[in-house]
Amino acid sequence: MAAVGGGTAVLVGFGRALRAAGLEAGPDRVQTFLRALDVLGPHRRADVYWAGRLTLCGGRDDLDRYDRVFAGYFGPRGRAPGPLARPLRAAPPARPAVRETDRVPGSGEDDRRPGAAAALASPAEVLRHRDVAALTAAEREQVRRLLAAFALRGEPRRSARLRPARRGAVDPRRTVREWLRRGGEPALLRRRARAERPRRVVLLVDVSGSMTPYADALLRFAHAAAHRGPAGSRAATEVFTIGTRLTRVTAALGHRDPEAALAAVAAAVPDWRGGTRLGEMLRAFLDRWGQRGMARGAVVVVLSDGWERGDPSLLAAQMRRLHRLAHRVVWANPRKGRPGYAPLAAGMAAALPSVDAFVEGHSVAALEHLAAVVRGAGDA
């Protein structure tokens, strides 16, 4: 990737964005992606698109998310070609492998310059680390596209249900049925193991006045996490807003369109940009939902700056109570990303002893890291 001139970091960042969207774009696939671009050369947008689609996607279910992340990361320069688009044709030996007519529709002449794809992505890579409170309207729109592609899965746990497996305990029923099917002839032993399911994730989003610069981005993150998909499917993520009132907004965030979802949340939340009573809101959550099972064994994420207008000792007591119920408590504070930050606010200081992971929440990259921590793949 020397021809790109620093483009490797940009393309690796694209892999991180795909992982945040739920694709299994691990280091091995990213290395294959980079080797493919070493052969093609990252000179055209279409080369980067197809190289990534063929090396970073694991199946048909990944294609839609890949297209959305690609458009958000490299900019909306035309709709990326989907499964029904015209296939790539073989190119003459003297020309690159992808013909000019087979470029991603809507891409411009500048896509033919060496390193053009990396140059297009460089602003997006920088934007990933920018504080969302300081973005322009155009930058916020690009961040919204990146956040729309997010996926959030809880840390896996072993369930009581058994499933067929290559390794594990012998499954006597399946083994005997296989023997009978073969007329009594010996056959390979059939085995079974406990299935893995993601833990429930509970998001508590602070919508008080001090969190106003971050509320839009955090609620879009919550929308991507809580989106139900097909009607009637069970959501693995629950979302509440906290301020001076506790409001369950999981159903409101079920709208497929993020704008419609946020409008529904705005209509449902009565304390938007109000004060903050974290201790009282946490007690209300635990009394009504958490103690009855929602928080038991779950990964609970508090997205707040920790400003508390109530009694900090009440918040400390409720955090200890939450910590006893939940599998893990994660606190994402947008203020933590600022230079010289220290958790000196009374509420934050009271909550920290009961927090398993204290992370930033001010940028797209910080939210990607938060998603990795929630699924058990990132360090606090």
Protein backbone atom coordinates (compact mmCIF):
# COMPACT_ATOMS: atom_id res chain seq x y z
CA MET A 1 0.00 0.00 0.00
CA ALA A 2 2.98 2.29 -0.36
CA ALA A 3 1.42 3.88 -3.43
CA VAL A 4 -1.36 5.29 -1.33
CA GLY A 5 0.92 7.30 0.91
CA GLY A 6 -0.54 6.67 4.36
CA GLY A 7 -3.69 5.11 2.92
CA THR A 8 -3.23 1.86 4.84
CA ALA A 9 -4.41 3.46 8.08
CA VAL A 10 -7.47 4.82 6.28
CA LEU A 11 -8.37 1.39 4.88
CA VAL A 12 -7.79 -0.28 8.26
CA GLY A 13 -10.15 2.34 9.72
CA PHE A 14 -12.72 1.22 7.16
CA GLY A 15 -12.41 -2.28 8.61
CA ARG A 16 -13.03 -0.90 12.10
CA ALA A 17 -16.15 0.86 10.86
CA LEU A 18 -17.40 -2.43 9.39
CA ARG A 19 -16.80 -4.22 12.69
CA ALA A 20 -18.79 -1.52 14.47
CA ALA A 21 -21.62 -2.27 12.03
CA GLY A 22 -21.58 -5.94 13.02
CA LEU A 23 -19.50 -7.48 10.21
CA GLU A 24 -16.87 -10.04 11.14
CA ALA A 25 -14.14 -8.00 9.45
CA GLY A 26 -11.30 -9.33 11.57
CA PRO A 27 -7.56 -8.75 11.05
CA ASP A 28 -7.27 -11.72 8.67
CA ARG A 29 -9.96 -10.36 6.35
CA VAL A 30 -8.52 -6.85 6.52
CA GLN A 31 -5.11 -8.22 5.52
CA THR A 32 -6.71 -10.01 2.57
CA PHE A 33 -8.43 -6.74 1.64
CA LEU A 34 -5.11 -4.87 1.72
CA ARG A 35 -3.39 -7.54 -0.37
CA ALA A 36 -6.18 -7.33 -2.96
CA LEU A 37 -5.67 -3.58 -3.22
CA ASP A 38 -1.92 -4.10 -3.55
CA VAL A 39 -2.74 -6.00 -6.74
CA LEU A 40 -5.48 -3.69 -8.03
CA GLY A 41 -4.03 -0.45 -6.76
CA PRO A 42 -6.33 1.87 -4.76
CA HIS A 43 -6.77 4.21 -7.72
CA ARG A 44 -10.52 3.92 -8.26
CA ARG A 45 -13.45 3.96 -5.92
CA ALA A 46 -14.89 0.87 -7.63
CA ASP A 47 -11.69 -1.13 -7.02
CA VAL A 48 -11.86 -0.40 -3.30
CA TYR A 49 -15.59 -1.16 -3.19
CA TRP A 50 -15.38 -4.57 -4.90
CA ALA A 51 -12.15 -5.60 -3.17
CA GLY A 52 -13.78 -4.91 0.19
CA ARG A 53 -17.07 -6.54 -0.75
CA LEU A 54 -15.33 -9.75 -1.84
CA THR A 55 -12.93 -9.97 1.11
CA LEU A 56 -14.66 -8.34 4.08
CA CYS A 57 -18.21 -9.71 3.74
CA GLY A 58 -18.97 -13.16 5.08
CA GLY A 59 -22.38 -13.70 3.47
CA ARG A 60 -25.45 -12.20 1.83
CA ASP A 61 -26.62 -10.71 5.14
CA ASP A 62 -23.50 -8.50 5.27
CA LEU A 63 -24.00 -6.84 1.88
CA ASP A 64 -26.55 -4.20 2.89
CA ARG A 65 -24.54 -3.12 5.94
CA TYR A 66 -21.35 -3.09 3.86
CA ASP A 67 -22.96 -0.75 1.31
CA ARG A 68 -24.18 1.61 4.04
CA VAL A 69 -20.78 1.74 5.78
CA PHE A 70 -18.98 2.24 2.45
CA ALA A 71 -21.26 5.14 1.52
CA GLY A 72 -20.87 6.70 4.96
CA TYR A 73 -17.10 6.22 5.15
CA PHE A 74 -16.12 7.22 1.61
CA GLY A 75 -18.88 9.79 1.15
CA PRO A 76 -22.13 9.72 -0.86
CA ARG A 77 -20.57 9.83 -4.31
CA GLY A 78 -23.33 7.73 -5.85
CA ARG A 79 -25.11 4.56 -4.91
CA ALA A 80 -22.76 1.65 -4.43
CA PRO A 81 -23.60 -1.17 -6.84
CA GLY A 82 -25.70 -3.83 -5.18
CA PRO A 83 -26.34 -7.49 -6.06
CA LEU A 84 -28.41 -6.52 -9.13
CA ALA A 85 -25.85 -4.11 -10.55
CA ARG A 86 -23.99 -4.89 -13.76
CA PRO A 87 -21.18 -7.37 -13.01
CA LEU A 88 -17.58 -6.48 -13.61
CA ARG A 89 -16.27 -7.44 -17.05
CA ALA A 90 -12.82 -8.67 -17.91
CA ALA A 91 -10.44 -5.90 -18.91
CA PRO A 92 -7.85 -5.98 -21.71
CA PRO A 93 -4.37 -7.02 -20.53
CA ALA A 94 -2.97 -3.51 -21.03
CA ARG A 95 -5.61 -1.88 -18.77
CA PRO A 96 -6.52 -2.23 -15.07
CA ALA A 97 -8.73 -5.13 -14.00
CA VAL A 98 -11.79 -2.88 -13.62
CA ARG A 99 -12.93 -0.93 -16.67
CA GLU A 100 -13.84 2.75 -16.48
CA THR A 101 -17.48 1.97 -17.31
CA ASP A 102 -17.68 -0.43 -14.39
CA ARG A 103 -16.84 2.14 -11.73
CA VAL A 104 -19.28 2.79 -8.92
CA PRO A 105 -22.10 4.87 -10.46
CA GLY A 106 -21.80 8.56 -9.62
CA SER A 107 -18.05 8.57 -9.01
CA GLY A 108 -16.11 11.44 -10.53
CA GLU A 109 -13.01 11.80 -12.65
CA ASP A 110 -10.90 12.39 -9.55
CA ASP A 111 -11.45 8.73 -8.62
CA ARG A 112 -8.83 7.79 -11.23
CA ARG A 113 -5.99 9.52 -9.44
CA PRO A 114 -3.54 7.32 -7.48
CA GLY A 115 -4.73 7.06 -3.91
CA ALA A 116 -8.06 8.75 -4.69
CA ALA A 117 -10.02 6.29 -2.53
CA ALA A 118 -7.76 6.94 0.43
CA ALA A 119 -8.04 10.67 -0.15
CA LEU A 120 -11.82 10.40 -0.15
CA ALA A 121 -11.77 8.40 3.05
CA SER A 122 -9.22 10.55 4.88
CA PRO A 123 -11.80 13.18 5.97
CA ALA A 124 -14.06 10.39 7.21
CA GLU A 125 -11.18 8.85 9.17
CA VAL A 126 -10.43 12.23 10.76
CA LEU A 127 -14.14 12.75 11.42
CA ARG A 128 -14.32 9.48 13.36
CA HIS A 129 -12.16 11.02 16.08
CA ARG A 130 -13.77 14.47 16.14
CA ASP A 131 -15.92 15.53 19.10
CA VAL A 132 -19.49 15.48 17.79
CA ALA A 133 -20.27 18.63 19.77
CA ALA A 134 -17.89 20.63 17.54
CA LEU A 135 -19.05 19.41 14.11
CA THR A 136 -20.56 21.47 11.33
CA ALA A 137 -23.96 20.61 9.85
CA ALA A 138 -22.35 18.80 6.90
CA GLU A 139 -20.05 16.82 9.20
CA ARG A 140 -22.98 15.88 11.42
CA GLU A 141 -24.78 14.49 8.38
CA GLN A 142 -21.81 12.26 7.55
CA VAL A 143 -21.58 11.12 11.19
CA ARG A 144 -25.27 10.22 11.06
CA ARG A 145 -24.62 7.95 8.09
CA LEU A 146 -21.80 6.23 9.99
CA LEU A 147 -23.93 5.82 13.11
CA ALA A 148 -26.84 4.39 11.11
CA ALA A 149 -24.67 1.41 10.19
CA PHE A 150 -23.76 0.56 13.80
CA ALA A 151 -24.67 -2.75 15.41
CA LEU A 152 -24.55 -3.55 19.12
CA ARG A 153 -24.42 -7.08 20.48
CA GLY A 154 -24.07 -8.02 24.10
CA GLU A 155 -21.29 -10.22 25.39
CA PRO A 156 -22.06 -13.86 24.49
CA ARG A 157 -23.25 -16.26 27.16
CA ARG A 158 -23.87 -19.99 27.09
CA SER A 159 -27.58 -20.82 27.14
CA ALA A 160 -29.29 -23.95 28.42
CA ARG A 161 -30.30 -24.95 24.89
CA LEU A 162 -28.14 -27.60 23.24
CA ARG A 163 -27.25 -27.57 19.55
CA PRO A 164 -25.41 -29.98 17.23
CA ALA A 165 -21.67 -29.40 17.31
CA ARG A 166 -18.44 -30.94 16.12
CA ARG A 167 -17.06 -31.02 19.64
CA GLY A 168 -18.80 -31.57 22.93
CA ALA A 169 -20.75 -34.27 24.73
CA VAL A 170 -22.13 -37.23 22.79
CA ASP A 171 -25.75 -36.78 21.70
CA PRO A 172 -27.19 -40.29 22.27
CA ARG A 173 -30.49 -39.71 20.44
CA ARG A 174 -28.95 -38.35 17.26
CA THR A 175 -26.25 -41.02 17.37
CA VAL A 176 -28.78 -43.88 17.68
CA ARG A 177 -30.98 -42.41 14.94
CA GLU A 178 -27.96 -42.25 12.64
CA TRP A 179 -27.12 -45.88 13.39
CA LEU A 180 -30.70 -46.95 12.67
CA ARG A 181 -30.68 -45.00 9.43
CA ARG A 182 -27.60 -46.96 8.40
CA GLY A 183 -29.19 -50.29 9.26
CA GLY A 184 -27.26 -50.77 12.48
CA GLU A 185 -23.85 -50.08 10.95
CA PRO A 186 -21.53 -48.06 13.22
CA ALA A 187 -21.29 -44.38 12.36
CA LEU A 188 -19.59 -41.29 13.69
CA LEU A 189 -20.74 -40.20 17.12
CA ARG A 190 -23.04 -37.19 17.01
CA ARG A 191 -22.19 -34.47 19.50
CA ARG A 192 -23.87 -31.46 21.05
CA ALA A 193 -22.86 -28.33 22.94
CA ARG A 194 -24.55 -25.43 24.63
CA ALA A 195 -25.58 -22.66 22.27
CA GLU A 196 -24.32 -19.11 22.75
CA ARG A 197 -26.66 -16.12 22.87
CA PRO A 198 -25.79 -12.46 23.31
CA ARG A 199 -26.63 -10.93 26.66
CA ARG A 200 -29.32 -8.29 26.81
CA VAL A 201 -28.01 -4.73 26.54
CA VAL A 202 -29.72 -1.90 28.44
CA LEU A 203 -28.89 1.68 27.43
CA LEU A 204 -29.63 4.55 29.83
CA VAL A 205 -29.21 7.78 27.81
CA ASP A 206 -28.92 11.09 29.65
CA VAL A 207 -30.98 13.76 27.82
CA SER A 208 -30.48 16.58 30.32
CA GLY A 209 -29.36 20.09 29.37
CA SER A 210 -25.66 19.39 29.89
CA MET A 211 -25.84 16.50 27.42
CA THR A 212 -27.59 18.47 24.66
CA PRO A 213 -24.52 18.61 22.32
CA TYR A 214 -24.29 14.80 22.39
CA ALA A 215 -27.92 13.71 22.68
CA ASP A 216 -28.57 13.45 18.93
CA ALA A 217 -25.52 11.25 18.26
CA LEU A 218 -26.14 9.04 21.30
CA LEU A 219 -29.80 8.51 20.43
CA ARG A 220 -28.84 7.60 16.86
CA PHE A 221 -26.37 5.13 18.31
CA ALA A 222 -29.19 3.76 20.48
CA HIS A 223 -31.50 3.58 17.44
CA ALA A 224 -28.97 1.48 15.55
CA ALA A 225 -28.57 -0.74 18.62
CA ALA A 226 -32.27 -1.17 19.40
CA HIS A 227 -33.70 -1.38 15.90
CA ARG A 228 -35.96 -4.43 15.86
CA GLY A 229 -35.73 -5.36 12.19
CA PRO A 230 -38.59 -7.66 11.17
CA ALA A 231 -41.86 -6.96 12.93
CA GLY A 232 -42.42 -9.06 16.01
CA SER A 233 -38.79 -9.99 16.51
CA ARG A 234 -37.53 -9.80 20.05
CA ALA A 235 -35.18 -6.91 20.72
CA ALA A 236 -31.93 -7.74 22.50
CA THR A 237 -31.48 -4.08 23.48
CA GLU A 238 -33.63 -1.89 25.72
CA VAL A 239 -33.29 1.90 25.75
CA PHE A 240 -34.35 4.42 28.42
CA THR A 241 -33.84 8.17 28.63
CA ILE A 242 -32.96 9.69 31.98
CA GLY A 243 -33.08 13.27 33.26
CA THR A 244 -35.73 14.29 35.74
CA ARG A 245 -37.99 11.52 34.39
CA LEU A 246 -37.34 7.93 33.31
CA THR A 247 -38.82 7.08 29.90
CA ARG A 248 -38.68 3.76 28.11
CA VAL A 249 -38.13 4.55 24.40
CA THR A 250 -37.39 1.12 22.93
CA ALA A 251 -40.67 1.07 21.02
CA ALA A 252 -40.18 4.61 19.72
CA LEU A 253 -36.75 3.65 18.39
CA GLY A 254 -38.27 0.70 16.55
CA HIS A 255 -38.98 2.87 13.50
CA ARG A 256 -36.72 1.86 10.65
CA ASP A 257 -36.09 5.49 9.64
CA PRO A 258 -33.77 7.25 12.14
CA GLU A 259 -35.49 10.60 11.66
CA ALA A 260 -38.92 9.14 12.40
CA ALA A 261 -37.50 7.30 15.39
CA LEU A 262 -35.94 10.44 16.88
CA ALA A 263 -39.16 12.37 16.29
CA ALA A 264 -41.04 9.66 18.19
CA VAL A 265 -38.52 9.85 21.03
CA ALA A 266 -38.85 13.65 21.19
CA ALA A 267 -42.63 13.28 21.48
CA ALA A 268 -42.33 10.62 24.19
CA VAL A 269 -39.70 12.28 26.42
CA PRO A 270 -41.17 15.04 28.63
CA ASP A 271 -37.91 16.17 30.27
CA TRP A 272 -35.78 16.94 27.23
CA ARG A 273 -32.91 19.33 28.11
CA GLY A 274 -34.00 19.51 31.72
CA GLY A 275 -32.12 18.75 34.93
CA THR A 276 -30.42 15.53 36.03
CA ARG A 277 -31.40 13.32 38.95
CA LEU A 278 -29.39 10.21 38.18
CA GLY A 279 -29.83 8.55 41.58
CA GLU A 280 -33.62 8.87 41.53
CA MET A 281 -33.84 7.73 37.89
CA LEU A 282 -31.64 4.72 38.54
CA ARG A 283 -33.76 3.76 41.55
CA ALA A 284 -36.92 4.07 39.45
CA PHE A 285 -35.39 1.85 36.75
CA LEU A 286 -34.32 -0.82 39.22
CA ASP A 287 -37.63 -0.81 41.10
CA ARG A 288 -39.83 -1.09 38.02
CA TRP A 289 -37.72 -3.00 35.48
CA GLY A 290 -34.24 -3.93 36.62
CA GLN A 291 -35.11 -5.88 39.78
CA ARG A 292 -37.78 -7.82 37.89
CA GLY A 293 -35.33 -9.26 35.42
CA MET A 294 -34.34 -6.71 32.78
CA ALA A 295 -30.98 -5.95 34.39
CA ARG A 296 -30.22 -9.47 35.62
CA GLY A 297 -27.23 -10.83 33.72
CA ALA A 298 -27.39 -7.90 31.26
CA VAL A 299 -24.77 -5.42 30.10
CA VAL A 300 -26.03 -2.05 31.35
CA VAL A 301 -24.58 1.05 29.67
CA VAL A 302 -25.03 4.53 31.15
CA LEU A 303 -24.38 7.32 28.64
CA SER A 304 -24.03 10.44 30.78
CA ASP A 305 -21.59 13.15 31.83
CA GLY A 306 -22.24 12.31 35.49
CA TRP A 307 -23.66 15.70 36.52
CA GLU A 308 -26.04 15.06 39.43
CA ARG A 309 -28.44 17.61 40.92
CA GLY A 310 -29.65 15.15 43.54
CA ASP A 311 -27.92 13.37 46.42
CA PRO A 312 -24.66 11.69 45.24
CA SER A 313 -24.94 9.13 48.06
CA LEU A 314 -28.27 7.94 46.59
CA LEU A 315 -26.59 7.49 43.21
CA ALA A 316 -23.75 5.53 44.83
CA ALA A 317 -26.22 3.23 46.59
CA GLN A 318 -28.24 2.59 43.43
CA MET A 319 -25.08 1.93 41.41
CA ARG A 320 -24.05 -0.71 43.95
CA ARG A 321 -27.48 -2.24 43.63
CA LEU A 322 -27.24 -2.23 39.82
CA HIS A 323 -23.77 -3.75 39.94
CA ARG A 324 -25.07 -6.70 41.96
CA LEU A 325 -27.76 -7.42 39.36
CA ALA A 326 -26.00 -6.80 36.05
CA HIS A 327 -23.34 -8.91 34.42
CA ARG A 328 -21.40 -5.75 33.63
CA VAL A 329 -21.88 -2.00 34.11
CA VAL A 330 -20.34 0.31 31.50
CA TRP A 331 -20.32 4.11 31.79
CA ALA A 332 -19.69 6.19 28.64
CA ASN A 333 -18.94 9.84 29.40
CA PRO A 334 -18.56 12.29 26.47
CA ARG A 335 -16.55 14.66 28.68
CA LYS A 336 -13.89 11.98 29.25
CA GLY A 337 -12.51 12.59 25.76
CA ARG A 338 -11.44 16.15 26.60
CA PRO A 339 -7.79 16.83 27.49
CA GLY A 340 -7.18 17.03 31.21
CA TYR A 341 -10.51 15.48 32.14
CA ALA A 342 -10.84 14.11 35.67
CA PRO A 343 -14.04 12.57 37.14
CA LEU A 344 -14.48 15.30 39.75
CA ALA A 345 -18.25 15.80 39.36
CA ALA A 346 -19.97 14.53 42.49
CA GLY A 347 -22.23 12.14 40.60
CA MET A 348 -19.42 10.68 38.50
CA ALA A 349 -17.17 10.22 41.52
CA ALA A 350 -20.00 8.49 43.41
CA ALA A 351 -20.78 6.11 40.53
CA LEU A 352 -17.25 5.06 39.51
CA PRO A 353 -16.62 2.45 42.25
CA SER A 354 -19.50 0.39 40.83
CA VAL A 355 -18.49 0.76 37.17
CA ASP A 356 -16.72 -2.10 35.40
CA ALA A 357 -15.67 -0.08 32.35
CA PHE A 358 -15.36 3.71 32.12
CA VAL A 359 -15.03 4.81 28.48
CA GLU A 360 -15.36 7.89 26.29
CA GLY A 361 -18.49 8.71 24.29
CA HIS A 362 -17.71 11.90 22.39
CA SER A 363 -16.94 10.62 18.87
CA VAL A 364 -17.70 7.90 16.36
CA ALA A 365 -14.43 6.15 17.23
CA ALA A 366 -15.32 6.30 20.94
CA LEU A 367 -18.73 4.74 20.24
CA GLU A 368 -17.05 2.03 18.14
CA HIS A 369 -14.86 1.26 21.14
CA LEU A 370 -17.93 1.27 23.39
CA ALA A 371 -19.59 -1.30 21.11
CA ALA A 372 -16.46 -3.48 21.35
CA VAL A 373 -16.49 -3.22 25.17
CA VAL A 374 -20.18 -4.20 25.28
CA ARG A 375 -19.58 -7.34 23.23
CA GLY A 376 -16.58 -8.22 25.40
CA ALA A 377 -13.98 -7.62 22.67
CA GLY A 378 -12.46 -4.34 23.90
CA ASP A 379 -10.49 -3.13 26.89
CA ALA A 380 -11.91 -0.53 29.23
